């Protein structure tokens, strides 16, 4: 189930970012799309590669704490931007 949710989240982030970049009318549009693709694939690669290391050294408890930390960080950023 978690892999399905990860896949859905990845698809939304990649497709959402691509659609938003398509709305830009700039000479740098193609470079921005390339940077978007590289950044999403890079973060995906880093997360996929680090999961095995974290599970081998810390277990599921540490992995869930790290995930919860990222959720808290992103929610605080989202709610912080809504106040501005």
PDB file of N, CA and C in Angstrom:
ATOM      1  N   UNK A   1       0.824  -1.192   0.000  1.00  0.00           N
ATOM      2  CA  UNK A   1       0.000   0.000   0.000  1.00  0.00           C
ATOM      3  C   UNK A   1       0.872   1.262   0.000  1.00  0.00           C
ATOM      4  N   UNK A   2       1.963   1.209   0.770  1.00  0.00           N
ATOM      5  CA  UNK A   2       2.814   2.394   0.841  1.00  0.00           C
ATOM      6  C   UNK A   2       3.485   2.681  -0.500  1.00  0.00           C
ATOM      7  N   UNK A   3       3.837   1.642  -1.234  1.00  0.00           N
ATOM      8  CA  UNK A   3       4.442   1.862  -2.547  1.00  0.00           C
ATOM      9  C   UNK A   3       3.451   2.498  -3.517  1.00  0.00           C
ATOM     10  N   UNK A   4       2.179   2.144  -3.385  1.00  0.00           N
ATOM     11  CA  UNK A   4       1.154   2.745  -4.233  1.00  0.00           C
ATOM     12  C   UNK A   4       1.042   4.231  -3.909  1.00  0.00           C
ATOM     13  N   UNK A   5       1.031   4.579  -2.617  1.00  0.00           N
ATOM     14  CA  UNK A   5       0.934   5.982  -2.221  1.00  0.00           C
ATOM     15  C   UNK A   5       2.170   6.774  -2.646  1.00  0.00           C
ATOM     16  N   UNK A   6       3.333   6.157  -2.560  1.00  0.00           N
ATOM     17  CA  UNK A   6       4.555   6.824  -3.023  1.00  0.00           C
ATOM     18  C   UNK A   6       4.484   7.071  -4.520  1.00  0.00           C
ATOM     19  N   UNK A   7       4.012   6.091  -5.261  1.00  0.00           N
ATOM     20  CA  UNK A   7       3.878   6.248  -6.710  1.00  0.00           C
ATOM     21  C   UNK A   7       2.888   7.336  -7.082  1.00  0.00           C
ATOM     22  N   UNK A   8       1.779   7.402  -6.359  1.00  0.00           N
ATOM     23  CA  UNK A   8       0.788   8.445  -6.626  1.00  0.00           C
ATOM     24  C   UNK A   8       1.372   9.818  -6.303  1.00  0.00           C
ATOM     25  N   UNK A   9       2.075   9.933  -5.173  1.00  0.00           N
ATOM     26  CA  UNK A   9       2.697  11.208  -4.806  1.00  0.00           C
ATOM     27  C   UNK A   9       3.742  11.635  -5.817  1.00  0.00           C
ATOM     28  N   UNK A  10       4.537  10.693  -6.280  1.00  0.00           N
ATOM     29  CA  UNK A  10       5.558  11.017  -7.284  1.00  0.00           C
ATOM     30  C   UNK A  10       4.899  11.481  -8.580  1.00  0.00           C
ATOM     31  N   UNK A  11       3.841  10.796  -8.983  1.00  0.00           N
ATOM     32  CA  UNK A  11       3.164  11.165 -10.228  1.00  0.00           C
ATOM     33  C   UNK A  11       2.565  12.564 -10.127  1.00  0.00           C
ATOM     34  N   UNK A  12       1.945  12.874  -8.985  1.00  0.00           N
ATOM     35  CA  UNK A  12       1.369  14.211  -8.819  1.00  0.00           C
ATOM     36  C   UNK A  12       2.445  15.279  -8.821  1.00  0.00           C
ATOM     37  N   UNK A  13       3.566  15.020  -8.168  1.00  0.00           N
ATOM     38  CA  UNK A  13       4.617  16.038  -8.122  1.00  0.00           C
ATOM     39  C   UNK A  13       5.246  16.244  -9.497  1.00  0.00           C
ATOM     40  N   UNK A  14       5.491  15.172 -10.204  1.00  0.00           N
ATOM     41  CA  UNK A  14       6.111  15.300 -11.521  1.00  0.00           C
ATOM     42  C   UNK A  14       5.149  15.939 -12.521  1.00  0.00           C
ATOM     43  N   UNK A  15       3.930  15.419 -12.594  1.00  0.00           N
ATOM     44  CA  UNK A  15       2.963  15.953 -13.561  1.00  0.00           C
ATOM     45  C   UNK A  15       2.519  17.362 -13.192  1.00  0.00           C
ATOM     46  N   UNK A  16       2.307  17.611 -11.899  1.00  0.00           N
ATOM     47  CA  UNK A  16       1.899  18.948 -11.475  1.00  0.00           C
ATOM     48  C   UNK A  16       2.960  19.983 -11.787  1.00  0.00           C
ATOM     49  N   UNK A  17       4.210  19.654 -11.510  1.00  0.00           N
ATOM     50  CA  UNK A  17       5.297  20.577 -11.818  1.00  0.00           C
ATOM     51  C   UNK A  17       5.452  20.812 -13.307  1.00  0.00           C
ATOM     52  N   UNK A  18       5.276  19.757 -14.087  1.00  0.00           N
ATOM     53  CA  UNK A  18       5.386  19.887 -15.540  1.00  0.00           C
ATOM     54  C   UNK A  18       4.259  20.750 -16.102  1.00  0.00           C
ATOM     55  N   UNK A  19       3.049  20.540 -15.610  1.00  0.00           N
ATOM     56  CA  UNK A  19       1.921  21.352 -16.093  1.00  0.00           C
ATOM     57  C   UNK A  19       2.082  22.810 -15.710  1.00  0.00           C
ATOM     58  N   UNK A  20       2.572  23.075 -14.510  1.00  0.00           N
ATOM     59  CA  UNK A  20       2.776  24.462 -14.094  1.00  0.00           C
ATOM     60  C   UNK A  20       3.867  25.126 -14.930  1.00  0.00           C
ATOM     61  N   UNK A  21       4.910  24.372 -15.265  1.00  0.00           N
ATOM     62  CA  UNK A  21       5.989  24.941 -16.073  1.00  0.00           C
ATOM     63  C   UNK A  21       5.546  25.177 -17.516  1.00  0.00           C
ATOM     64  N   UNK A  22       4.580  24.405 -17.999  1.00  0.00           N
ATOM     65  CA  UNK A  22       4.084  24.622 -19.365  1.00  0.00           C
ATOM     66  C   UNK A  22       3.362  25.949 -19.506  1.00  0.00           C
ATOM     67  N   UNK A  23       2.868  26.493 -18.402  1.00  0.00           N
ATOM     68  CA  UNK A  23       2.151  27.769 -18.447  1.00  0.00           C
ATOM     69  C   UNK A  23       3.097  28.963 -18.548  1.00  0.00           C
ATOM     70  N   UNK A  24       4.383  28.737 -18.347  1.00  0.00           N
ATOM     71  CA  UNK A  24       5.361  29.829 -18.378  1.00  0.00           C
ATOM     72  C   UNK A  24       5.704  30.151 -19.832  1.00  0.00           C
ATOM     73  N   UNK A  25       5.666  31.420 -20.162  1.00  0.00           N
ATOM     74  CA  UNK A  25       6.095  31.872 -21.485  1.00  0.00           C
ATOM     75  C   UNK A  25       7.427  32.586 -21.328  1.00  0.00           C
ATOM     76  N   UNK A  26       8.489  31.833 -21.474  1.00  0.00           N
ATOM     77  CA  UNK A  26       9.825  32.384 -21.294  1.00  0.00           C
ATOM     78  C   UNK A  26      10.790  31.650 -22.216  1.00  0.00           C
ATOM     79  N   UNK A  27      11.896  32.292 -22.468  1.00  0.00           N
ATOM     80  CA  UNK A  27      12.919  31.636 -23.291  1.00  0.00           C
ATOM     81  C   UNK A  27      13.623  30.525 -22.525  1.00  0.00           C
ATOM     82  N   UNK A  28      13.469  30.502 -21.203  1.00  0.00           N
ATOM     83  CA  UNK A  28      14.107  29.491 -20.364  1.00  0.00           C
ATOM     84  C   UNK A  28      13.175  28.338 -20.019  1.00  0.00           C
ATOM     85  N   UNK A  29      12.060  28.246 -20.705  1.00  0.00           N
ATOM     86  CA  UNK A  29      11.044  27.245 -20.391  1.00  0.00           C
ATOM     87  C   UNK A  29      11.596  25.823 -20.460  1.00  0.00           C
ATOM     88  N   UNK A  30      12.323  25.491 -21.502  1.00  0.00           N
ATOM     89  CA  UNK A  30      12.846  24.133 -21.656  1.00  0.00           C
ATOM     90  C   UNK A  30      13.912  23.820 -20.614  1.00  0.00           C
ATOM     91  N   UNK A  31      14.721  24.796 -20.269  1.00  0.00           N
ATOM     92  CA  UNK A  31      15.729  24.588 -19.229  1.00  0.00           C
ATOM     93  C   UNK A  31      15.064  24.361 -17.871  1.00  0.00           C
ATOM     94  N   UNK A  32      13.999  25.115 -17.599  1.00  0.00           N
ATOM     95  CA  UNK A  32      13.281  24.948 -16.343  1.00  0.00           C
ATOM     96  C   UNK A  32      12.613  23.581 -16.264  1.00  0.00           C
ATOM     97  N   UNK A  33      12.079  23.103 -17.371  1.00  0.00           N
ATOM     98  CA  UNK A  33      11.478  21.775 -17.385  1.00  0.00           C
ATOM     99  C   UNK A  33      12.529  20.697 -17.152  1.00  0.00           C
ATOM    100  N   UNK A  34      13.698  20.873 -17.734  1.00  0.00           N
ATOM    101  CA  UNK A  34      14.787  19.928 -17.500  1.00  0.00           C
ATOM    102  C   UNK A  34      15.252  19.943 -16.059  1.00  0.00           C
ATOM    103  N   UNK A  35      15.372  21.134 -15.480  1.00  0.00           N
ATOM    104  CA  UNK A  35      15.755  21.253 -14.078  1.00  0.00           C
ATOM    105  C   UNK A  35      14.707  20.630 -13.167  1.00  0.00           C
ATOM    106  N   UNK A  36      13.431  20.800 -13.496  1.00  0.00           N
ATOM    107  CA  UNK A  36      12.352  20.192 -12.731  1.00  0.00           C
ATOM    108  C   UNK A  36      12.449  18.669 -12.769  1.00  0.00           C
ATOM    109  N   UNK A  37      12.652  18.118 -13.956  1.00  0.00           N
ATOM    110  CA  UNK A  37      12.748  16.661 -14.084  1.00  0.00           C
ATOM    111  C   UNK A  37      13.957  16.118 -13.324  1.00  0.00           C
ATOM    112  N   UNK A  38      15.101  16.780 -13.446  1.00  0.00           N
ATOM    113  CA  UNK A  38      16.305  16.316 -12.752  1.00  0.00           C
ATOM    114  C   UNK A  38      16.126  16.399 -11.247  1.00  0.00           C
ATOM    115  N   UNK A  39      15.508  17.473 -10.758  1.00  0.00           N
ATOM    116  CA  UNK A  39      15.349  17.609  -9.312  1.00  0.00           C
ATOM    117  C   UNK A  39      14.390  16.551  -8.762  1.00  0.00           C
ATOM    118  N   UNK A  40      13.291  16.272  -9.455  1.00  0.00           N
ATOM    119  CA  UNK A  40      12.352  15.258  -8.975  1.00  0.00           C
ATOM    120  C   UNK A  40      12.991  13.876  -9.023  1.00  0.00           C
ATOM    121  N   UNK A  41      13.665  13.542 -10.119  1.00  0.00           N
ATOM    122  CA  UNK A  41      14.321  12.240 -10.205  1.00  0.00           C
ATOM    123  C   UNK A  41      15.470  12.136  -9.201  1.00  0.00           C
ATOM    124  N   UNK A  42      16.185  13.231  -8.961  1.00  0.00           N
ATOM    125  CA  UNK A  42      17.278  13.213  -7.993  1.00  0.00           C
ATOM    126  C   UNK A  42      16.796  12.969  -6.572  1.00  0.00           C
ATOM    127  N   UNK A  43      15.722  13.641  -6.186  1.00  0.00           N
ATOM    128  CA  UNK A  43      15.161  13.430  -4.846  1.00  0.00           C
ATOM    129  C   UNK A  43      14.623  12.013  -4.726  1.00  0.00           C
ATOM    130  N   UNK A  44      13.992  11.517  -5.776  1.00  0.00           N
ATOM    131  CA  UNK A  44      13.495  10.146  -5.773  1.00  0.00           C
ATOM    132  C   UNK A  44      14.642   9.147  -5.633  1.00  0.00           C
ATOM    133  N   UNK A  45      15.731   9.379  -6.334  1.00  0.00           N
ATOM    134  CA  UNK A  45      16.902   8.515  -6.243  1.00  0.00           C
ATOM    135  C   UNK A  45      17.504   8.542  -4.844  1.00  0.00           C
ATOM    136  N   UNK A  46      17.635   9.716  -4.275  1.00  0.00           N
ATOM    137  CA  UNK A  46      18.189   9.853  -2.933  1.00  0.00           C
ATOM    138  C   UNK A  46      17.313   9.154  -1.899  1.00  0.00           C
ATOM    139  N   UNK A  47      16.000   9.349  -1.990  1.00  0.00           N
ATOM    140  CA  UNK A  47      15.090   8.718  -1.036  1.00  0.00           C
ATOM    141  C   UNK A  47      15.106   7.197  -1.181  1.00  0.00           C
ATOM    142  N   UNK A  48      15.086   6.709  -2.407  1.00  0.00           N
ATOM    143  CA  UNK A  48      15.089   5.262  -2.637  1.00  0.00           C
ATOM    144  C   UNK A  48      16.378   4.624  -2.147  1.00  0.00           C
ATOM    145  N   UNK A  49      17.474   5.300  -2.375  1.00  0.00           N
ATOM    146  CA  UNK A  49      18.770   4.744  -1.973  1.00  0.00           C
ATOM    147  C   UNK A  49      18.970   4.780  -0.465  1.00  0.00           C
ATOM    148  N   UNK A  50      18.428   5.791   0.191  1.00  0.00           N
ATOM    149  CA  UNK A  50      18.667   5.920   1.627  1.00  0.00           C
ATOM    150  C   UNK A  50      17.749   5.047   2.475  1.00  0.00           C
ATOM    151  N   UNK A  51      16.637   4.569   1.919  1.00  0.00           N
ATOM    152  CA  UNK A  51      15.709   3.758   2.703  1.00  0.00           C
ATOM    153  C   UNK A  51      16.376   2.471   3.175  1.00  0.00           C
ATOM    154  N   UNK A  52      17.100   1.811   2.319  1.00  0.00           N
ATOM    155  CA  UNK A  52      17.787   0.577   2.711  1.00  0.00           C
ATOM    156  C   UNK A  52      18.795   0.812   3.810  1.00  0.00           C
ATOM    157  N   UNK A  53      19.539   1.900   3.720  1.00  0.00           N
ATOM    158  CA  UNK A  53      20.526   2.223   4.748  1.00  0.00           C
ATOM    159  C   UNK A  53      19.849   2.504   6.087  1.00  0.00           C
ATOM    160  N   UNK A  54      18.779   3.277   6.058  1.00  0.00           N
ATOM    161  CA  UNK A  54      18.074   3.617   7.301  1.00  0.00           C
ATOM    162  C   UNK A  54      17.445   2.366   7.916  1.00  0.00           C
ATOM    163  N   UNK A  55      16.836   1.519   7.103  1.00  0.00           N
ATOM    164  CA  UNK A  55      16.229   0.300   7.633  1.00  0.00           C
ATOM    165  C   UNK A  55      17.268  -0.651   8.210  1.00  0.00           C
ATOM    166  N   UNK A  56      18.423  -0.736   7.582  1.00  0.00           N
ATOM    167  CA  UNK A  56      19.466  -1.638   8.070  1.00  0.00           C
ATOM    168  C   UNK A  56      20.069  -1.154   9.384  1.00  0.00           C
ATOM    169  N   UNK A  57      20.149   0.150   9.577  1.00  0.00           N
ATOM    170  CA  UNK A  57      20.809   0.684  10.763  1.00  0.00           C
ATOM    171  C   UNK A  57      19.855   1.137  11.857  1.00  0.00           C
ATOM    172  N   UNK A  58      18.643   1.509  11.522  1.00  0.00           N
ATOM    173  CA  UNK A  58      17.755   2.051  12.537  1.00  0.00           C
ATOM    174  C   UNK A  58      16.422   1.347  12.655  1.00  0.00           C
ATOM    175  N   UNK A  59      15.990   0.703  11.605  1.00  0.00           N
ATOM    176  CA  UNK A  59      14.711   0.008  11.632  1.00  0.00           C
ATOM    177  C   UNK A  59      13.554   0.912  11.234  1.00  0.00           C
ATOM    178  N   UNK A  60      12.367   0.335  11.344  1.00  0.00           N
ATOM    179  CA  UNK A  60      11.163   1.025  10.920  1.00  0.00           C
ATOM    180  C   UNK A  60      10.852   2.237  11.783  1.00  0.00           C
ATOM    181  N   UNK A  61      11.183   2.158  13.065  1.00  0.00           N
ATOM    182  CA  UNK A  61      10.890   3.281  13.957  1.00  0.00           C
ATOM    183  C   UNK A  61      11.632   4.541  13.503  1.00  0.00           C
ATOM    184  N   UNK A  62      12.906   4.401  13.188  1.00  0.00           N
ATOM    185  CA  UNK A  62      13.704   5.547  12.731  1.00  0.00           C
ATOM    186  C   UNK A  62      13.191   6.052  11.381  1.00  0.00           C
ATOM    187  N   UNK A  63      12.850   5.141  10.489  1.00  0.00           N
ATOM    188  CA  UNK A  63      12.336   5.532   9.170  1.00  0.00           C
ATOM    189  C   UNK A  63      11.029   6.305   9.309  1.00  0.00           C
ATOM    190  N   UNK A  64      10.141   5.841  10.188  1.00  0.00           N
ATOM    191  CA  UNK A  64       8.881   6.557  10.403  1.00  0.00           C
ATOM    192  C   UNK A  64       9.107   7.905  11.058  1.00  0.00           C
ATOM    193  N   UNK A  65      10.064   8.021  11.965  1.00  0.00           N
ATOM    194  CA  UNK A  65      10.366   9.318  12.585  1.00  0.00           C
ATOM    195  C   UNK A  65      10.919  10.307  11.558  1.00  0.00           C
ATOM    196  N   UNK A  66      11.765   9.838  10.669  1.00  0.00           N
ATOM    197  CA  UNK A  66      12.293  10.699   9.609  1.00  0.00           C
ATOM    198  C   UNK A  66      11.163  11.163   8.690  1.00  0.00           C
ATOM    199  N   UNK A  67      10.291  10.235   8.314  1.00  0.00           N
ATOM    200  CA  UNK A  67       9.159  10.593   7.455  1.00  0.00           C
ATOM    201  C   UNK A  67       8.245  11.595   8.147  1.00  0.00           C
ATOM    202  N   UNK A  68       7.981  11.372   9.429  1.00  0.00           N
ATOM    203  CA  UNK A  68       7.135  12.303  10.180  1.00  0.00           C
ATOM    204  C   UNK A  68       7.784  13.683  10.249  1.00  0.00           C
ATOM    205  N   UNK A  69       9.095  13.726  10.394  1.00  0.00           N
ATOM    206  CA  UNK A  69       9.807  15.001  10.413  1.00  0.00           C
ATOM    207  C   UNK A  69       9.641  15.770   9.115  1.00  0.00           C
ATOM    208  N   UNK A  70       9.747  15.076   7.989  1.00  0.00           N
ATOM    209  CA  UNK A  70       9.551  15.730   6.694  1.00  0.00           C
ATOM    210  C   UNK A  70       8.113  16.219   6.532  1.00  0.00           C
ATOM    211  N   UNK A  71       7.155  15.435   7.003  1.00  0.00           N
ATOM    212  CA  UNK A  71       5.754  15.854   6.918  1.00  0.00           C
ATOM    213  C   UNK A  71       5.531  17.131   7.715  1.00  0.00           C
ATOM    214  N   UNK A  72       6.085  17.189   8.923  1.00  0.00           N
ATOM    215  CA  UNK A  72       5.940  18.383   9.765  1.00  0.00           C
ATOM    216  C   UNK A  72       6.595  19.593   9.102  1.00  0.00           C
ATOM    217  N   UNK A  73       7.765  19.402   8.533  1.00  0.00           N
ATOM    218  CA  UNK A  73       8.462  20.509   7.867  1.00  0.00           C
ATOM    219  C   UNK A  73       7.645  21.044   6.700  1.00  0.00           C
ATOM    220  N   UNK A  74       7.141  20.145   5.840  1.00  0.00           N
ATOM    221  CA  UNK A  74       6.392  20.599   4.677  1.00  0.00           C
ATOM    222  C   UNK A  74       5.053  21.223   5.060  1.00  0.00           C
ATOM    223  N   UNK A  75       4.384  20.680   6.069  1.00  0.00           N
ATOM    224  CA  UNK A  75       3.122  21.287   6.501  1.00  0.00           C
ATOM    225  C   UNK A  75       3.347  22.665   7.106  1.00  0.00           C
ATOM    226  N   UNK A  76       4.435  22.824   7.851  1.00  0.00           N
ATOM    227  CA  UNK A  76       4.715  24.146   8.413  1.00  0.00           C
ATOM    228  C   UNK A  76       5.054  25.151   7.312  1.00  0.00           C
ATOM    229  N   UNK A  77       5.732  24.712   6.269  1.00  0.00           N
ATOM    230  CA  UNK A  77       6.013  25.599   5.141  1.00  0.00           C
ATOM    231  C   UNK A  77       4.722  25.977   4.433  1.00  0.00           C
ATOM    232  N   UNK A  78       3.846  25.004   4.213  1.00  0.00           N
ATOM    233  CA  UNK A  78       2.583  25.274   3.516  1.00  0.00           C
ATOM    234  C   UNK A  78       1.735  26.255   4.318  1.00  0.00           C
ATOM    235  N   UNK A  79       1.581  26.009   5.628  1.00  0.00           N
ATOM    236  CA  UNK A  79       0.765  26.895   6.437  1.00  0.00           C
ATOM    237  C   UNK A  79       1.439  28.245   6.646  1.00  0.00           C
ATOM    238  N   UNK A  80       2.767  28.268   6.655  1.00  0.00           N
ATOM    239  CA  UNK A  80       3.490  29.532   6.754  1.00  0.00           C
ATOM    240  C   UNK A  80       3.315  30.386   5.512  1.00  0.00           C
ATOM    241  N   UNK A  81       3.265  29.755   4.344  1.00  0.00           N
ATOM    242  CA  UNK A  81       3.072  30.508   3.111  1.00  0.00           C
ATOM    243  C   UNK A  81       1.638  31.008   2.969  1.00  0.00           C
ATOM    244  N   UNK A  82       0.690  30.302   3.576  1.00  0.00           N
ATOM    245  CA  UNK A  82      -0.705  30.758   3.497  1.00  0.00           C
ATOM    246  C   UNK A  82      -0.908  32.033   4.300  1.00  0.00           C
ATOM    247  N   UNK A  83      -0.124  32.236   5.344  1.00  0.00           N
ATOM    248  CA  UNK A  83      -0.264  33.433   6.176  1.00  0.00           C
ATOM    249  C   UNK A  83       0.321  34.665   5.518  1.00  0.00           C
ATOM    250  N   UNK A  84       1.225  34.466   4.559  1.00  0.00           N
ATOM    251  CA  UNK A  84       1.896  35.611   3.921  1.00  0.00           C
ATOM    252  C   UNK A  84       0.999  36.277   2.932  1.00  0.00           C
TER     253      UNK A  84
END
